[in-house]
Amino acid sequence: MALLHSRLANTVVMYMILMSLWGFWRFFRKQGMDSSYWGAVVIAEVLILIQGAIGVFMRINGILPARGWFHILYGIVAAIALPGVYLYTKGSEERRDMLFYAAIFLFLIGISLRAMSTGGLG
């Protein structure tokens, strides 16, 4: 399970990099949100939630991260970041909202990398 959690973390980071680049690309081309990007945002949130569910399963089974509460805090922040941006933008599809999503994906890259650095098994 720990290996799956670790590999999925790598996948999440790579996906977030692509989403951020795509978001900035759309913003600088003066485009807003479209159905393709919305679908990719939903996939990103599902990946984060699956990652969290695996982490909860591991925690229940006694597999603890080295710096436990920090790792868990980063996971919680990652899980609420995208819904937070959605609530802030009220689901709008304007060009400016594209910038918010591109930026939050940059933030998620950082928080995911930080979570990975605190997640070695203790």
Protein backbone atom coordinates (compact mmCIF):
# COMPACT_ATOMS: atom_id res chain seq x y z
CA MET A 1 0.00 0.00 0.00
CA ALA A 2 2.84 2.38 0.82
CA LEU A 3 4.31 1.85 -2.65
CA LEU A 4 0.95 2.64 -4.28
CA HIS A 5 0.61 5.76 -2.13
CA SER A 6 4.11 6.87 -3.11
CA ARG A 7 3.64 6.22 -6.84
CA LEU A 8 0.28 7.96 -6.89
CA ALA A 9 1.93 10.97 -5.22
CA ASN A 10 4.37 11.15 -8.15
CA THR A 11 1.45 10.92 -10.56
CA VAL A 12 -0.39 13.71 -8.73
CA VAL A 13 2.64 16.01 -8.94
CA MET A 14 3.12 15.35 -12.66
CA TYR A 15 -0.59 15.90 -13.31
CA MET A 16 -0.56 19.17 -11.35
CA ILE A 17 2.43 20.40 -13.39
CA LEU A 18 0.53 19.70 -16.61
CA MET A 19 -2.62 21.36 -15.28
CA SER A 20 -0.73 24.47 -14.23
CA LEU A 21 1.06 24.76 -17.56
CA TRP A 22 -2.20 24.23 -19.44
CA GLY A 23 -3.94 26.81 -17.25
CA PHE A 24 -1.26 29.45 -17.80
CA TRP A 25 -1.26 28.63 -21.52
CA ARG A 26 -5.00 29.23 -21.70
CA PHE A 27 -4.74 32.41 -19.62
CA PHE A 28 -2.03 33.96 -21.79
CA ARG A 29 -4.02 33.05 -24.90
CA LYS A 30 -6.91 35.04 -23.37
CA GLN A 31 -9.09 31.97 -22.90
CA GLY A 32 -11.28 31.10 -19.95
CA MET A 33 -12.38 27.80 -18.54
CA ASP A 34 -13.90 25.28 -20.94
CA SER A 35 -15.41 21.83 -20.51
CA SER A 36 -12.10 20.08 -21.19
CA TYR A 37 -10.32 22.00 -18.45
CA TRP A 38 -13.24 21.52 -16.04
CA GLY A 39 -13.07 17.78 -16.64
CA ALA A 40 -9.33 17.78 -16.00
CA VAL A 41 -9.89 19.74 -12.75
CA VAL A 42 -12.37 17.08 -11.62
CA ILE A 43 -9.83 14.35 -12.44
CA ALA A 44 -7.23 16.25 -10.39
CA GLU A 45 -9.53 16.40 -7.37
CA VAL A 46 -10.39 12.71 -7.72
CA LEU A 47 -6.68 11.84 -7.80
CA ILE A 48 -6.11 13.85 -4.63
CA LEU A 49 -9.08 12.19 -2.90
CA ILE A 50 -7.92 8.71 -3.89
CA GLN A 51 -4.46 9.58 -2.57
CA GLY A 52 -6.07 10.69 0.69
CA ALA A 53 -8.24 7.58 0.94
CA ILE A 54 -5.17 5.37 0.56
CA GLY A 55 -3.44 7.44 3.25
CA VAL A 56 -6.41 7.04 5.61
CA PHE A 57 -6.43 3.29 4.94
CA MET A 58 -2.72 3.11 5.73
CA ARG A 59 -3.19 5.14 8.93
CA ILE A 60 -6.02 2.86 10.08
CA ASN A 61 -3.76 -0.13 9.50
CA GLY A 62 -0.95 1.38 11.58
CA ILE A 63 1.30 2.59 8.76
CA LEU A 64 2.33 6.06 9.89
CA PRO A 65 4.24 8.79 8.04
CA ALA A 66 7.51 9.90 9.66
CA ARG A 67 6.23 13.42 10.40
CA GLY A 68 2.61 12.34 10.81
CA TRP A 69 0.53 15.43 11.49
CA PHE A 70 2.40 17.62 9.02
CA HIS A 71 1.90 15.03 6.30
CA ILE A 72 -1.79 14.74 7.11
CA LEU A 73 -2.21 18.53 7.21
CA TYR A 74 -0.67 18.87 3.74
CA GLY A 75 -3.06 16.21 2.46
CA ILE A 76 -6.08 17.99 3.91
CA VAL A 77 -5.00 21.33 2.42
CA ALA A 78 -4.48 19.66 -0.98
CA ALA A 79 -7.96 18.11 -0.81
CA ILE A 80 -9.74 21.41 -0.08
CA ALA A 81 -7.71 23.69 -2.39
CA LEU A 82 -9.60 23.07 -5.64
CA PRO A 83 -13.08 23.18 -4.07
CA GLY A 84 -11.94 26.38 -2.34
CA VAL A 85 -11.04 28.02 -5.65
CA TYR A 86 -14.33 26.83 -7.14
CA LEU A 87 -16.25 28.45 -4.27
CA TYR A 88 -14.18 31.63 -4.51
CA THR A 89 -14.78 31.98 -8.24
CA LYS A 90 -18.40 30.82 -7.92
CA GLY A 91 -17.79 28.39 -10.79
CA SER A 92 -17.22 31.23 -13.24
CA GLU A 93 -15.51 30.50 -16.55
CA GLU A 94 -13.88 33.88 -17.22
CA ARG A 95 -10.26 34.39 -18.23
CA ARG A 96 -9.35 35.69 -14.76
CA ASP A 97 -10.58 32.44 -13.20
CA MET A 98 -8.20 30.53 -15.45
CA LEU A 99 -5.36 32.34 -13.67
CA PHE A 100 -6.71 31.27 -10.26
CA TYR A 101 -6.75 27.62 -11.32
CA ALA A 102 -3.29 27.78 -12.90
CA ALA A 103 -1.94 29.36 -9.71
CA ILE A 104 -3.65 26.89 -7.36
CA PHE A 105 -2.12 24.04 -9.34
CA LEU A 106 1.30 25.63 -8.75
CA PHE A 107 0.45 25.74 -5.05
CA LEU A 108 -0.65 22.09 -5.17
CA ILE A 109 2.67 21.11 -6.74
CA GLY A 110 4.46 22.72 -3.80
CA ILE A 111 2.18 21.26 -1.15
CA SER A 112 2.39 17.80 -2.75
CA LEU A 113 6.18 17.91 -2.85
CA ARG A 114 6.24 19.06 0.77
CA ALA A 115 3.86 16.24 1.76
CA MET A 116 6.12 13.76 -0.01
CA SER A 117 9.12 15.04 1.95
CA THR A 118 7.32 14.50 5.28
CA GLY A 119 5.83 11.15 4.33
CA GLY A 120 8.67 8.67 4.76
CA LEU A 121 7.47 5.80 6.87
CA GLY A 122 8.40 6.18 10.51
